[in-house]
Amino acid sequence: MTIKIEKKITQYAVQKPEEPPQVLAGRSPGVVLETVNTPAKANEGHVPERRPKGEVIRMHEKLERPDLLLGSTYKVKTPISDHAMYITINDIVLNEGTPYEQRRPFEIFINSKNLDHYQWIVALTRIISAVFRKGGDVTFMVEELKAVFDPRGGYWKPGGRFMPSLIAEIGDVIEKHLVSIGLMRKGEPDEAQQKLIAEKRAEFEAARQQQDAFAQSNFPVGAQLCTKCSTAAVVMMDGCMTCLNCGDSKCQ
């Protein structure tokens, strides 16, 4: 196939499919040259104008893994297994030393002495790592994982929080990590809601004394399970069921 070049050739370079755009000699790394197309008449006898253009590195699937990654390991102990599960999430730092510096998750590893879940754990870690490397918004995985329910039933964590499945526990750990590196915001009540919750909690504890299986919870005994934050903290206040943990109320 023949391609006709309408403008003068000032420089050329051989580029392989997997290599980034060539950088001209004398230019600092991360700066590429952009050609400005102008009408043919105005271009006659003139060299195409080139100006430097700053390049911000973003997360994508072709980004190579560096030799060193920063990581965090979380220990998860559930009542459905005798052995603890260790979840390690490694992060890559993009645009280090610049105003665009950002820490993004790059890969995840899950390890446990319990081999009953080995196959699906390996498959899950590879899929999650692939999504991390793909780039874009990866926070959607948190809600997807936390929405998985075990048909055999979930379990209660210390503090009166219900976890519907082991997969949901992994999603909860990923959420904590994304919050710690600044990719997600922790959904907490504002100051007004916190003040209201404290007042309602004190009023409820003074008015009623209940005892049930969750007497060791940080919330009033006898509280029901909140469908929004999965915490046994829902009590009847002012004729409406109100959560003392996240502030969710049917009357709002």
C-alpha atoms as a PDB file:
ATOM      1  CA  MET A   1       0.000   0.000   0.000  1.00  0.00           C
ATOM      2  CA  THR A   2       1.310   3.460  -0.934  1.00  0.00           C
ATOM      3  CA  ILE A   3       0.856   6.428   1.402  1.00  0.00           C
ATOM      4  CA  LYS A   4       1.434   9.935   0.087  1.00  0.00           C
ATOM      5  CA  ILE A   5       3.003  12.370   2.558  1.00  0.00           C
ATOM      6  CA  GLU A   6       1.746  15.908   1.987  1.00  0.00           C
ATOM      7  CA  LYS A   7       4.278  17.735   4.204  1.00  0.00           C
ATOM      8  CA  LYS A   8       8.043  17.791   4.534  1.00  0.00           C
ATOM      9  CA  ILE A   9       9.797  15.067   6.507  1.00  0.00           C
ATOM     10  CA  THR A  10      12.013  16.603   9.188  1.00  0.00           C
ATOM     11  CA  GLN A  11      12.816  13.500  11.251  1.00  0.00           C
ATOM     12  CA  TYR A  12      11.936   9.819  11.461  1.00  0.00           C
ATOM     13  CA  ALA A  13      12.384   6.906  13.897  1.00  0.00           C
ATOM     14  CA  VAL A  14      11.545   3.190  13.839  1.00  0.00           C
ATOM     15  CA  GLN A  15       9.050   2.347  16.563  1.00  0.00           C
ATOM     16  CA  LYS A  16       8.156  -1.159  17.721  1.00  0.00           C
ATOM     17  CA  PRO A  17       4.526  -1.954  18.599  1.00  0.00           C
ATOM     18  CA  GLU A  18       5.225  -2.393  22.327  1.00  0.00           C
ATOM     19  CA  GLU A  19       7.523   0.627  22.725  1.00  0.00           C
ATOM     20  CA  PRO A  20       6.342   4.110  23.832  1.00  0.00           C
ATOM     21  CA  PRO A  21       6.642   7.066  21.432  1.00  0.00           C
ATOM     22  CA  GLN A  22      10.224   8.029  20.616  1.00  0.00           C
ATOM     23  CA  VAL A  23      11.685  11.003  22.482  1.00  0.00           C
ATOM     24  CA  LEU A  24      13.904  13.376  20.545  1.00  0.00           C
ATOM     25  CA  ALA A  25      17.474  14.009  21.683  1.00  0.00           C
ATOM     26  CA  GLY A  26      17.782  16.861  24.133  1.00  0.00           C
ATOM     27  CA  ARG A  27      14.266  16.407  25.483  1.00  0.00           C
ATOM     28  CA  SER A  28      13.674  15.365  29.081  1.00  0.00           C
ATOM     29  CA  PRO A  29      11.858  12.047  29.736  1.00  0.00           C
ATOM     30  CA  GLY A  30       8.101  12.342  29.825  1.00  0.00           C
ATOM     31  CA  VAL A  31       8.014  15.110  27.169  1.00  0.00           C
ATOM     32  CA  VAL A  32       6.802  14.277  23.689  1.00  0.00           C
ATOM     33  CA  LEU A  33       6.539  16.462  20.602  1.00  0.00           C
ATOM     34  CA  GLU A  34       3.146  17.272  19.202  1.00  0.00           C
ATOM     35  CA  THR A  35       2.687  18.207  15.539  1.00  0.00           C
ATOM     36  CA  VAL A  36       0.252  21.033  14.897  1.00  0.00           C
ATOM     37  CA  ASN A  37      -1.611  20.549  11.608  1.00  0.00           C
ATOM     38  CA  THR A  38      -2.200  23.762   9.666  1.00  0.00           C
ATOM     39  CA  PRO A  39      -3.743  24.377   6.236  1.00  0.00           C
ATOM     40  CA  ALA A  40      -1.595  23.318   3.226  1.00  0.00           C
ATOM     41  CA  LYS A  41      -1.044  26.870   1.968  1.00  0.00           C
ATOM     42  CA  ALA A  42       0.139  28.172   5.302  1.00  0.00           C
ATOM     43  CA  ASN A  43       2.443  25.153   5.607  1.00  0.00           C
ATOM     44  CA  GLU A  44       4.321  25.744   2.362  1.00  0.00           C
ATOM     45  CA  GLY A  45       7.994  26.500   2.992  1.00  0.00           C
ATOM     46  CA  HIS A  46       7.613  26.184   6.768  1.00  0.00           C
ATOM     47  CA  VAL A  47       8.601  23.420   9.199  1.00  0.00           C
ATOM     48  CA  PRO A  48       5.607  22.011  11.139  1.00  0.00           C
ATOM     49  CA  GLU A  49       5.342  23.662  14.529  1.00  0.00           C
ATOM     50  CA  ARG A  50       6.143  21.422  17.496  1.00  0.00           C
ATOM     51  CA  ARG A  51       5.569  22.203  21.150  1.00  0.00           C
ATOM     52  CA  PRO A  52       6.339  20.216  24.307  1.00  0.00           C
ATOM     53  CA  LYS A  53       3.443  18.478  25.931  1.00  0.00           C
ATOM     54  CA  GLY A  54       3.558  17.186  29.535  1.00  0.00           C
ATOM     55  CA  GLU A  55       2.620  13.522  29.906  1.00  0.00           C
ATOM     56  CA  VAL A  56       0.913  12.242  33.063  1.00  0.00           C
ATOM     57  CA  ILE A  57       1.303   8.497  33.574  1.00  0.00           C
ATOM     58  CA  ARG A  58      -2.012   6.795  34.238  1.00  0.00           C
ATOM     59  CA  MET A  59      -2.818   3.225  35.230  1.00  0.00           C
ATOM     60  CA  HIS A  60      -3.229   0.872  32.269  1.00  0.00           C
ATOM     61  CA  GLU A  61      -2.801  -2.821  31.566  1.00  0.00           C
ATOM     62  CA  LYS A  62       0.492  -2.419  29.649  1.00  0.00           C
ATOM     63  CA  LEU A  63       2.229  -0.695  32.558  1.00  0.00           C
ATOM     64  CA  GLU A  64       5.168  -2.903  33.545  1.00  0.00           C
ATOM     65  CA  ARG A  65       5.571  -4.074  37.118  1.00  0.00           C
ATOM     66  CA  PRO A  66       8.505  -2.360  38.876  1.00  0.00           C
ATOM     67  CA  ASP A  67      10.982  -4.343  40.943  1.00  0.00           C
ATOM     68  CA  LEU A  68       9.711  -2.836  44.210  1.00  0.00           C
ATOM     69  CA  LEU A  69       6.109  -2.262  45.247  1.00  0.00           C
ATOM     70  CA  LEU A  70       4.656  -0.863  48.465  1.00  0.00           C
ATOM     71  CA  GLY A  71       2.212  -3.214  50.144  1.00  0.00           C
ATOM     72  CA  SER A  72      -0.011  -3.809  53.152  1.00  0.00           C
ATOM     73  CA  THR A  73      -1.003  -7.142  54.680  1.00  0.00           C
ATOM     74  CA  TYR A  74      -4.289  -7.635  56.534  1.00  0.00           C
ATOM     75  CA  LYS A  75      -5.056 -10.536  58.851  1.00  0.00           C
ATOM     76  CA  VAL A  76      -8.604 -11.904  58.691  1.00  0.00           C
ATOM     77  CA  LYS A  77      -9.807 -14.395  61.321  1.00  0.00           C
ATOM     78  CA  THR A  78     -13.288 -15.760  60.800  1.00  0.00           C
ATOM     79  CA  PRO A  79     -15.322 -18.168  62.955  1.00  0.00           C
ATOM     80  CA  ILE A  80     -15.922 -20.436  59.952  1.00  0.00           C
ATOM     81  CA  SER A  81     -12.262 -21.471  59.754  1.00  0.00           C
ATOM     82  CA  ASP A  82      -9.614 -22.502  62.277  1.00  0.00           C
ATOM     83  CA  HIS A  83      -6.887 -20.779  60.276  1.00  0.00           C
ATOM     84  CA  ALA A  84      -6.450 -17.071  59.648  1.00  0.00           C
ATOM     85  CA  MET A  85      -6.383 -15.620  56.158  1.00  0.00           C
ATOM     86  CA  TYR A  86      -3.759 -13.061  55.140  1.00  0.00           C
ATOM     87  CA  ILE A  87      -4.578 -10.562  52.383  1.00  0.00           C
ATOM     88  CA  THR A  88      -1.690  -8.596  50.847  1.00  0.00           C
ATOM     89  CA  ILE A  89      -2.348  -5.678  48.485  1.00  0.00           C
ATOM     90  CA  ASN A  90       0.638  -4.146  46.674  1.00  0.00           C
ATOM     91  CA  ASP A  91       0.478  -0.608  45.286  1.00  0.00           C
ATOM     92  CA  ILE A  92       2.328   1.173  42.509  1.00  0.00           C
ATOM     93  CA  VAL A  93       3.208   4.864  42.816  1.00  0.00           C
ATOM     94  CA  LEU A  94       2.453   6.799  39.632  1.00  0.00           C
ATOM     95  CA  ASN A  95       4.106  10.126  38.756  1.00  0.00           C
ATOM     96  CA  GLU A  96       6.333   9.947  41.828  1.00  0.00           C
ATOM     97  CA  GLY A  97       7.761  13.286  42.902  1.00  0.00           C
ATOM     98  CA  THR A  98       5.273  15.332  40.862  1.00  0.00           C
ATOM     99  CA  PRO A  99       2.013  17.120  41.751  1.00  0.00           C
ATOM    100  CA  TYR A 100       0.211  14.213  40.031  1.00  0.00           C
ATOM    101  CA  GLU A 101       1.669  11.538  42.331  1.00  0.00           C
ATOM    102  CA  GLN A 102      -0.907   8.853  43.033  1.00  0.00           C
ATOM    103  CA  ARG A 103      -0.864   5.467  44.712  1.00  0.00           C
ATOM    104  CA  ARG A 104      -2.898   2.791  42.941  1.00  0.00           C
ATOM    105  CA  PRO A 105      -3.444  -0.913  43.787  1.00  0.00           C
ATOM    106  CA  PHE A 106      -1.491  -3.174  41.437  1.00  0.00           C
ATOM    107  CA  GLU A 107      -1.935  -6.752  42.696  1.00  0.00           C
ATOM    108  CA  ILE A 108      -3.452  -8.806  45.515  1.00  0.00           C
ATOM    109  CA  PHE A 109      -2.389 -12.046  47.196  1.00  0.00           C
ATOM    110  CA  ILE A 110      -4.410 -14.200  49.605  1.00  0.00           C
ATOM    111  CA  ASN A 111      -2.713 -16.859  51.705  1.00  0.00           C
ATOM    112  CA  SER A 112      -4.047 -19.337  54.267  1.00  0.00           C
ATOM    113  CA  LYS A 113      -3.224 -22.734  55.718  1.00  0.00           C
ATOM    114  CA  ASN A 114      -6.771 -23.820  54.895  1.00  0.00           C
ATOM    115  CA  LEU A 115      -6.657 -25.416  51.432  1.00  0.00           C
ATOM    116  CA  ASP A 116     -10.427 -25.937  51.173  1.00  0.00           C
ATOM    117  CA  HIS A 117     -10.801 -22.665  49.248  1.00  0.00           C
ATOM    118  CA  TYR A 118      -7.486 -22.788  47.374  1.00  0.00           C
ATOM    119  CA  GLN A 119      -8.860 -22.960  43.809  1.00  0.00           C
ATOM    120  CA  TRP A 120     -11.344 -20.114  43.977  1.00  0.00           C
ATOM    121  CA  ILE A 121      -8.944 -17.967  46.040  1.00  0.00           C
ATOM    122  CA  VAL A 122      -6.254 -18.260  43.335  1.00  0.00           C
ATOM    123  CA  ALA A 123      -8.812 -17.481  40.629  1.00  0.00           C
ATOM    124  CA  LEU A 124     -10.177 -14.510  42.571  1.00  0.00           C
ATOM    125  CA  THR A 125      -6.749 -12.996  43.214  1.00  0.00           C
ATOM    126  CA  ARG A 126      -5.841 -13.205  39.521  1.00  0.00           C
ATOM    127  CA  ILE A 127      -9.091 -11.596  38.437  1.00  0.00           C
ATOM    128  CA  ILE A 128      -8.859  -8.791  41.006  1.00  0.00           C
ATOM    129  CA  SER A 129      -5.200  -8.147  40.109  1.00  0.00           C
ATOM    130  CA  ALA A 130      -6.150  -7.962  36.419  1.00  0.00           C
ATOM    131  CA  VAL A 131      -8.846  -5.395  37.215  1.00  0.00           C
ATOM    132  CA  PHE A 132      -6.334  -3.371  39.256  1.00  0.00           C
ATOM    133  CA  ARG A 133      -3.885  -3.287  36.329  1.00  0.00           C
ATOM    134  CA  LYS A 134      -6.625  -2.396  33.848  1.00  0.00           C
ATOM    135  CA  GLY A 135      -6.892   1.044  35.418  1.00  0.00           C
ATOM    136  CA  GLY A 136      -9.884   3.321  35.662  1.00  0.00           C
ATOM    137  CA  ASP A 137     -12.327   3.225  38.566  1.00  0.00           C
ATOM    138  CA  VAL A 138     -11.712  -0.002  40.522  1.00  0.00           C
ATOM    139  CA  THR A 139     -13.848   0.934  43.529  1.00  0.00           C
ATOM    140  CA  PHE A 140     -16.878  -0.829  42.040  1.00  0.00           C
ATOM    141  CA  MET A 141     -15.383  -4.167  43.113  1.00  0.00           C
ATOM    142  CA  VAL A 142     -15.948  -3.323  46.755  1.00  0.00           C
ATOM    143  CA  GLU A 143     -19.743  -3.269  46.451  1.00  0.00           C
ATOM    144  CA  GLU A 144     -19.751  -6.271  44.130  1.00  0.00           C
ATOM    145  CA  LEU A 145     -17.761  -8.420  46.571  1.00  0.00           C
ATOM    146  CA  LYS A 146     -19.626  -7.224  49.652  1.00  0.00           C
ATOM    147  CA  ALA A 147     -22.917  -8.159  47.999  1.00  0.00           C
ATOM    148  CA  VAL A 148     -21.992 -11.886  47.796  1.00  0.00           C
ATOM    149  CA  PHE A 149     -23.963 -14.005  50.281  1.00  0.00           C
ATOM    150  CA  ASP A 150     -23.051 -17.498  51.446  1.00  0.00           C
ATOM    151  CA  PRO A 151     -26.045 -19.879  51.079  1.00  0.00           C
ATOM    152  CA  ARG A 152     -24.925 -21.596  54.284  1.00  0.00           C
ATOM    153  CA  GLY A 153     -25.158 -18.315  56.169  1.00  0.00           C
ATOM    154  CA  GLY A 154     -22.671 -15.659  57.192  1.00  0.00           C
ATOM    155  CA  TYR A 155     -21.092 -14.859  60.545  1.00  0.00           C
ATOM    156  CA  TRP A 156     -20.843 -12.084  63.116  1.00  0.00           C
ATOM    157  CA  LYS A 157     -17.685 -10.089  63.677  1.00  0.00           C
ATOM    158  CA  PRO A 158     -16.640  -8.533  67.006  1.00  0.00           C
ATOM    159  CA  GLY A 159     -18.627  -5.368  67.568  1.00  0.00           C
ATOM    160  CA  GLY A 160     -21.913  -6.772  66.272  1.00  0.00           C
ATOM    161  CA  ARG A 161     -21.238  -6.446  62.540  1.00  0.00           C
ATOM    162  CA  PHE A 162     -22.624  -9.141  60.249  1.00  0.00           C
ATOM    163  CA  MET A 163     -20.521 -10.458  57.375  1.00  0.00           C
ATOM    164  CA  PRO A 164     -22.620 -12.345  54.777  1.00  0.00           C
ATOM    165  CA  SER A 165     -19.719 -14.380  53.336  1.00  0.00           C
ATOM    166  CA  LEU A 166     -15.959 -14.812  53.178  1.00  0.00           C
ATOM    167  CA  ILE A 167     -15.991 -13.031  49.803  1.00  0.00           C
ATOM    168  CA  ALA A 168     -17.685 -10.065  51.464  1.00  0.00           C
ATOM    169  CA  GLU A 169     -14.879 -10.053  54.057  1.00  0.00           C
ATOM    170  CA  ILE A 170     -12.324  -9.754  51.229  1.00  0.00           C
ATOM    171  CA  GLY A 171     -14.333  -6.876  49.768  1.00  0.00           C
ATOM    172  CA  ASP A 172     -14.348  -5.184  53.180  1.00  0.00           C
ATOM    173  CA  VAL A 173     -10.536  -5.469  53.382  1.00  0.00           C
ATOM    174  CA  ILE A 174     -10.147  -3.997  49.875  1.00  0.00           C
ATOM    175  CA  GLU A 175     -12.419  -1.115  50.890  1.00  0.00           C
ATOM    176  CA  LYS A 176     -10.251  -0.367  53.946  1.00  0.00           C
ATOM    177  CA  HIS A 177      -7.150  -0.361  51.752  1.00  0.00           C
ATOM    178  CA  LEU A 178      -8.652   1.920  49.103  1.00  0.00           C
ATOM    179  CA  VAL A 179      -9.715   4.340  51.844  1.00  0.00           C
ATOM    180  CA  SER A 180      -6.192   4.316  53.316  1.00  0.00           C
ATOM    181  CA  ILE A 181      -4.559   5.250  49.977  1.00  0.00           C
ATOM    182  CA  GLY A 182      -7.167   7.900  49.172  1.00  0.00           C
ATOM    183  CA  LEU A 183      -9.131   6.219  46.355  1.00  0.00           C
ATOM    184  CA  MET A 184     -12.333   6.002  48.421  1.00  0.00           C
ATOM    185  CA  ARG A 185     -13.978   8.050  51.110  1.00  0.00           C
ATOM    186  CA  LYS A 186     -15.108   6.434  54.312  1.00  0.00           C
ATOM    187  CA  GLY A 187     -18.858   6.804  54.650  1.00  0.00           C
ATOM    188  CA  GLU A 188     -19.212   8.366  58.076  1.00  0.00           C
ATOM    189  CA  PRO A 189     -22.005  10.554  59.487  1.00  0.00           C
ATOM    190  CA  ASP A 190     -21.307  14.278  59.611  1.00  0.00           C
ATOM    191  CA  GLU A 191     -20.997  16.215  62.875  1.00  0.00           C
ATOM    192  CA  ALA A 192     -24.720  16.935  63.116  1.00  0.00           C
ATOM    193  CA  GLN A 193     -25.613  13.290  62.567  1.00  0.00           C
ATOM    194  CA  GLN A 194     -22.988  12.130  65.077  1.00  0.00           C
ATOM    195  CA  LYS A 195     -24.387  14.498  67.685  1.00  0.00           C
ATOM    196  CA  LEU A 196     -27.927  13.296  67.016  1.00  0.00           C
ATOM    197  CA  ILE A 197     -26.821   9.649  67.200  1.00  0.00           C
ATOM    198  CA  ALA A 198     -25.089  10.253  70.547  1.00  0.00           C
ATOM    199  CA  GLU A 199     -28.194  11.930  71.973  1.00  0.00           C
ATOM    200  CA  LYS A 200     -30.544   9.213  70.737  1.00  0.00           C
ATOM    201  CA  ARG A 201     -28.209   6.480  71.963  1.00  0.00           C
ATOM    202  CA  ALA A 202     -28.004   7.959  75.451  1.00  0.00           C
ATOM    203  CA  GLU A 203     -31.774   8.413  75.531  1.00  0.00           C
ATOM    204  CA  PHE A 204     -32.402   4.868  74.384  1.00  0.00           C
ATOM    205  CA  GLU A 205     -29.970   3.294  76.860  1.00  0.00           C
ATOM    206  CA  ALA A 206     -31.535   5.246  79.706  1.00  0.00           C
ATOM    207  CA  ALA A 207     -35.081   4.280  78.732  1.00  0.00           C
ATOM    208  CA  ARG A 208     -34.695   0.601  77.967  1.00  0.00           C
ATOM    209  CA  GLN A 209     -32.499  -2.243  79.106  1.00  0.00           C
ATOM    210  CA  GLN A 210     -32.518  -5.291  76.836  1.00  0.00           C
ATOM    211  CA  GLN A 211     -30.412  -8.394  76.821  1.00  0.00           C
ATOM    212  CA  ASP A 212     -29.882 -10.844  73.986  1.00  0.00           C
ATOM    213  CA  ALA A 213     -27.119 -12.702  72.160  1.00  0.00           C
ATOM    214  CA  PHE A 214     -25.331  -9.459  71.293  1.00  0.00           C
ATOM    215  CA  ALA A 215     -24.921  -8.124  74.829  1.00  0.00           C
ATOM    216  CA  GLN A 216     -21.189  -7.545  74.242  1.00  0.00           C
ATOM    217  CA  SER A 217     -21.785  -5.220  71.293  1.00  0.00           C
ATOM    218  CA  ASN A 218     -20.692  -1.595  71.339  1.00  0.00           C
ATOM    219  CA  PHE A 219     -24.282  -0.643  70.608  1.00  0.00           C
ATOM    220  CA  PRO A 220     -27.401  -1.008  72.783  1.00  0.00           C
ATOM    221  CA  VAL A 221     -28.333  -4.607  73.479  1.00  0.00           C
ATOM    222  CA  GLY A 222     -31.334  -5.771  71.520  1.00  0.00           C
ATOM    223  CA  ALA A 223     -30.547  -3.595  68.510  1.00  0.00           C
ATOM    224  CA  GLN A 224     -31.493  -4.970  65.107  1.00  0.00           C
ATOM    225  CA  LEU A 225     -29.322  -5.459  62.025  1.00  0.00           C
ATOM    226  CA  CYS A 226     -28.888  -2.430  59.768  1.00  0.00           C
ATOM    227  CA  THR A 227     -29.305  -3.287  56.071  1.00  0.00           C
ATOM    228  CA  LYS A 228     -27.038  -0.404  55.037  1.00  0.00           C
ATOM    229  CA  CYS A 229     -23.918  -0.921  57.201  1.00  0.00           C
ATOM    230  CA  SER A 230     -24.553  -4.544  58.335  1.00  0.00           C
ATOM    231  CA  THR A 231     -24.236  -3.605  62.017  1.00  0.00           C
ATOM    232  CA  ALA A 232     -26.582  -4.585  64.850  1.00  0.00           C
ATOM    233  CA  ALA A 233     -27.318  -0.982  65.793  1.00  0.00           C
ATOM    234  CA  VAL A 234     -30.908  -0.285  64.664  1.00  0.00           C
ATOM    235  CA  VAL A 235     -33.300   0.797  67.422  1.00  0.00           C
ATOM    236  CA  MET A 236     -36.767   2.332  67.513  1.00  0.00           C
ATOM    237  CA  MET A 237     -36.489   6.051  68.158  1.00  0.00           C
ATOM    238  CA  ASP A 238     -39.318   8.585  67.869  1.00  0.00           C
ATOM    239  CA  GLY A 239     -41.471   6.008  66.140  1.00  0.00           C
ATOM    240  CA  CYS A 240     -38.864   5.226  63.469  1.00  0.00           C
ATOM    241  CA  MET A 241     -36.135   2.617  63.128  1.00  0.00           C
ATOM    242  CA  THR A 242     -32.791   4.438  63.321  1.00  0.00           C
ATOM    243  CA  CYS A 243     -29.238   3.080  62.999  1.00  0.00           C
ATOM    244  CA  LEU A 244     -26.857   4.305  65.706  1.00  0.00           C
ATOM    245  CA  ASN A 245     -23.811   3.410  63.602  1.00  0.00           C
ATOM    246  CA  CYS A 246     -24.382   5.089  60.218  1.00  0.00           C
ATOM    247  CA  GLY A 247     -27.419   7.253  60.980  1.00  0.00           C
ATOM    248  CA  ASP A 248     -29.690   5.557  58.428  1.00  0.00           C
ATOM    249  CA  SER A 249     -33.349   6.148  59.180  1.00  0.00           C
ATOM    250  CA  LYS A 250     -36.576   5.402  57.347  1.00  0.00           C
ATOM    251  CA  CYS A 251     -37.979   8.761  58.437  1.00  0.00           C
ATOM    252  CA  GLN A 252     -35.329  10.830  56.648  1.00  0.00           C
END
